[in-house]
Amino acid sequence: MQVFAHLPLKSMRAVRGGRQSNYCSGYFTAARLIGPPRPYVVGDERGREYIWADVEVPDDLLAHMESRAIKPDGTYRVQVKVNTHRHTLAAFLASGDLEWDVREMT
């Protein structure tokens, strides 16, 4: 199962007195889905929901991410927007389960 996510890279750059993280955004293979849906509470995301997902980190990104943030099984936990993935997550959300291991799903 593919989900769109933002993986933070450990390189940082200064932006007008503040700091801004660099991210690698794209579709990644999910290993686990963790519910229930939670509401966003910041900015324009109010009223939208997300779930947590553990995604597999591609080998080419491993060196660019904080090693302590990556779990022993090679996954990283990210937020996945429910509205954006409403068709992909439909079965998981309808089940009411709190966690699914989706490594074996195609």
C-alpha atoms as a PDB file:
ATOM      1  CA  MET A   1       0.000   0.000   0.000  1.00  0.00           C
ATOM      2  CA  GLN A   2       1.407   3.374  -1.028  1.00  0.00           C
ATOM      3  CA  VAL A   3       0.785   6.553   0.997  1.00  0.00           C
ATOM      4  CA  PHE A   4       1.942  10.126   0.452  1.00  0.00           C
ATOM      5  CA  ALA A   5       4.199  11.328   3.248  1.00  0.00           C
ATOM      6  CA  HIS A   6       6.938  13.811   4.140  1.00  0.00           C
ATOM      7  CA  LEU A   7      10.153  12.291   5.499  1.00  0.00           C
ATOM      8  CA  PRO A   8      12.344  14.816   7.339  1.00  0.00           C
ATOM      9  CA  LEU A   9      15.993  14.935   6.337  1.00  0.00           C
ATOM     10  CA  LYS A  10      18.666  15.759   8.898  1.00  0.00           C
ATOM     11  CA  SER A  11      20.161  18.612   6.884  1.00  0.00           C
ATOM     12  CA  MET A  12      18.895  21.983   8.061  1.00  0.00           C
ATOM     13  CA  ARG A  13      19.216  25.447   6.587  1.00  0.00           C
ATOM     14  CA  ALA A  14      18.753  28.846   8.167  1.00  0.00           C
ATOM     15  CA  VAL A  15      15.819  30.907   6.939  1.00  0.00           C
ATOM     16  CA  ARG A  16      15.666  34.538   8.182  1.00  0.00           C
ATOM     17  CA  GLY A  17      16.539  33.827  11.771  1.00  0.00           C
ATOM     18  CA  GLY A  18      14.510  30.637  12.009  1.00  0.00           C
ATOM     19  CA  ARG A  19      15.241  27.109  10.942  1.00  0.00           C
ATOM     20  CA  GLN A  20      13.433  25.166   8.287  1.00  0.00           C
ATOM     21  CA  SER A  21      13.655  21.429   7.823  1.00  0.00           C
ATOM     22  CA  ASN A  22      14.220  19.827   4.482  1.00  0.00           C
ATOM     23  CA  TYR A  23      11.790  17.070   3.621  1.00  0.00           C
ATOM     24  CA  CYS A  24      11.588  14.347   1.044  1.00  0.00           C
ATOM     25  CA  SER A  25       7.960  14.149  -0.034  1.00  0.00           C
ATOM     26  CA  GLY A  26       6.462  11.377  -2.099  1.00  0.00           C
ATOM     27  CA  TYR A  27       4.698   8.036  -2.084  1.00  0.00           C
ATOM     28  CA  PHE A  28       6.161   5.451   0.258  1.00  0.00           C
ATOM     29  CA  THR A  29       5.245   1.853   1.048  1.00  0.00           C
ATOM     30  CA  ALA A  30       3.292   1.554   4.274  1.00  0.00           C
ATOM     31  CA  ALA A  31       4.109  -1.239   6.706  1.00  0.00           C
ATOM     32  CA  ARG A  32       1.507  -0.456   9.386  1.00  0.00           C
ATOM     33  CA  LEU A  33      -1.573   1.740   9.724  1.00  0.00           C
ATOM     34  CA  ILE A  34      -2.361   3.058  13.204  1.00  0.00           C
ATOM     35  CA  GLY A  35      -5.762   4.563  14.036  1.00  0.00           C
ATOM     36  CA  PRO A  36      -8.131   5.927  15.080  1.00  0.00           C
ATOM     37  CA  PRO A  37      -8.344   9.097  12.957  1.00  0.00           C
ATOM     38  CA  ARG A  38      -7.233  12.214  14.838  1.00  0.00           C
ATOM     39  CA  PRO A  39      -8.169  15.821  14.041  1.00  0.00           C
ATOM     40  CA  TYR A  40      -5.594  18.383  12.941  1.00  0.00           C
ATOM     41  CA  VAL A  41      -5.634  21.402  15.222  1.00  0.00           C
ATOM     42  CA  VAL A  42      -3.293  23.851  13.491  1.00  0.00           C
ATOM     43  CA  GLY A  43      -3.870  26.437  10.769  1.00  0.00           C
ATOM     44  CA  ASP A  44      -5.913  25.568   7.732  1.00  0.00           C
ATOM     45  CA  GLU A  45      -5.962  21.853   8.562  1.00  0.00           C
ATOM     46  CA  ARG A  46      -8.750  22.300  11.124  1.00  0.00           C
ATOM     47  CA  GLY A  47     -11.571  19.855  10.560  1.00  0.00           C
ATOM     48  CA  ARG A  48      -9.402  17.378   8.682  1.00  0.00           C
ATOM     49  CA  GLU A  49      -8.165  14.109  10.105  1.00  0.00           C
ATOM     50  CA  TYR A  50      -5.030  12.009   9.931  1.00  0.00           C
ATOM     51  CA  ILE A  51      -3.852   8.580  11.021  1.00  0.00           C
ATOM     52  CA  TRP A  52      -0.346   7.407  11.812  1.00  0.00           C
ATOM     53  CA  ALA A  53       1.459   5.050   9.448  1.00  0.00           C
ATOM     54  CA  ASP A  54       4.841   3.388   9.592  1.00  0.00           C
ATOM     55  CA  VAL A  55       6.434   3.666   6.141  1.00  0.00           C
ATOM     56  CA  GLU A  56       9.450   1.830   4.819  1.00  0.00           C
ATOM     57  CA  VAL A  57      12.404   4.170   4.330  1.00  0.00           C
ATOM     58  CA  PRO A  58      14.100   3.669   0.944  1.00  0.00           C
ATOM     59  CA  ASP A  59      17.780   2.748   1.098  1.00  0.00           C
ATOM     60  CA  ASP A  60      18.848   5.946  -0.675  1.00  0.00           C
ATOM     61  CA  LEU A  61      17.275   8.072   2.104  1.00  0.00           C
ATOM     62  CA  LEU A  62      18.620   6.153   5.110  1.00  0.00           C
ATOM     63  CA  ALA A  63      21.868   8.119   5.197  1.00  0.00           C
ATOM     64  CA  HIS A  64      19.997  11.449   5.079  1.00  0.00           C
ATOM     65  CA  MET A  65      17.664  10.796   8.006  1.00  0.00           C
ATOM     66  CA  GLU A  66      18.288  10.742  11.742  1.00  0.00           C
ATOM     67  CA  SER A  67      19.175   7.134  12.548  1.00  0.00           C
ATOM     68  CA  ARG A  68      17.537   7.295  15.981  1.00  0.00           C
ATOM     69  CA  ALA A  69      14.168   8.162  14.375  1.00  0.00           C
ATOM     70  CA  ILE A  70      14.159   5.021  12.251  1.00  0.00           C
ATOM     71  CA  LYS A  71      12.740   1.956  13.947  1.00  0.00           C
ATOM     72  CA  PRO A  72      14.739  -1.311  14.034  1.00  0.00           C
ATOM     73  CA  ASP A  73      12.552  -2.770  11.259  1.00  0.00           C
ATOM     74  CA  GLY A  74      13.523   0.114   8.919  1.00  0.00           C
ATOM     75  CA  THR A  75      10.289   2.094   9.185  1.00  0.00           C
ATOM     76  CA  TYR A  76       9.513   5.691  10.129  1.00  0.00           C
ATOM     77  CA  ARG A  77       6.204   6.941  11.610  1.00  0.00           C
ATOM     78  CA  VAL A  78       4.397   9.654   9.621  1.00  0.00           C
ATOM     79  CA  GLN A  79       0.997  11.317   9.502  1.00  0.00           C
ATOM     80  CA  VAL A  80      -1.269  10.332   6.613  1.00  0.00           C
ATOM     81  CA  LYS A  81      -4.190  12.587   5.715  1.00  0.00           C
ATOM     82  CA  VAL A  82      -7.463  10.661   5.741  1.00  0.00           C
ATOM     83  CA  ASN A  83      -9.164  12.870   3.150  1.00  0.00           C
ATOM     84  CA  THR A  84      -6.301  12.549   0.659  1.00  0.00           C
ATOM     85  CA  HIS A  85      -6.249   8.740   1.021  1.00  0.00           C
ATOM     86  CA  ARG A  86      -9.981   8.153   1.545  1.00  0.00           C
ATOM     87  CA  HIS A  87     -10.183   5.336  -1.034  1.00  0.00           C
ATOM     88  CA  THR A  88      -6.916   3.671  -0.008  1.00  0.00           C
ATOM     89  CA  LEU A  89      -7.791   3.767   3.704  1.00  0.00           C
ATOM     90  CA  ALA A  90     -11.513   2.970   3.310  1.00  0.00           C
ATOM     91  CA  ALA A  91     -11.274  -0.658   4.455  1.00  0.00           C
ATOM     92  CA  PHE A  92      -9.060   0.197   7.429  1.00  0.00           C
ATOM     93  CA  LEU A  93     -11.286   3.051   8.586  1.00  0.00           C
ATOM     94  CA  ALA A  94     -14.488   1.026   8.133  1.00  0.00           C
ATOM     95  CA  SER A  95     -13.085  -1.861  10.179  1.00  0.00           C
ATOM     96  CA  GLY A  96     -12.642   0.251  13.302  1.00  0.00           C
ATOM     97  CA  ASP A  97      -9.396  -1.588  14.089  1.00  0.00           C
ATOM     98  CA  LEU A  98      -6.634   0.343  15.806  1.00  0.00           C
ATOM     99  CA  GLU A  99      -3.733  -1.177  13.865  1.00  0.00           C
ATOM    100  CA  TRP A 100      -3.207  -3.098  10.631  1.00  0.00           C
ATOM    101  CA  ASP A 101      -0.004  -4.664   9.342  1.00  0.00           C
ATOM    102  CA  VAL A 102      -0.210  -4.037   5.586  1.00  0.00           C
ATOM    103  CA  ARG A 103       3.158  -5.429   4.462  1.00  0.00           C
ATOM    104  CA  GLU A 104       1.533  -8.486   2.904  1.00  0.00           C
ATOM    105  CA  MET A 105      -1.193  -6.483   1.088  1.00  0.00           C
ATOM    106  CA  THR A 106      -0.673  -5.483  -2.520  1.00  0.00           C
END
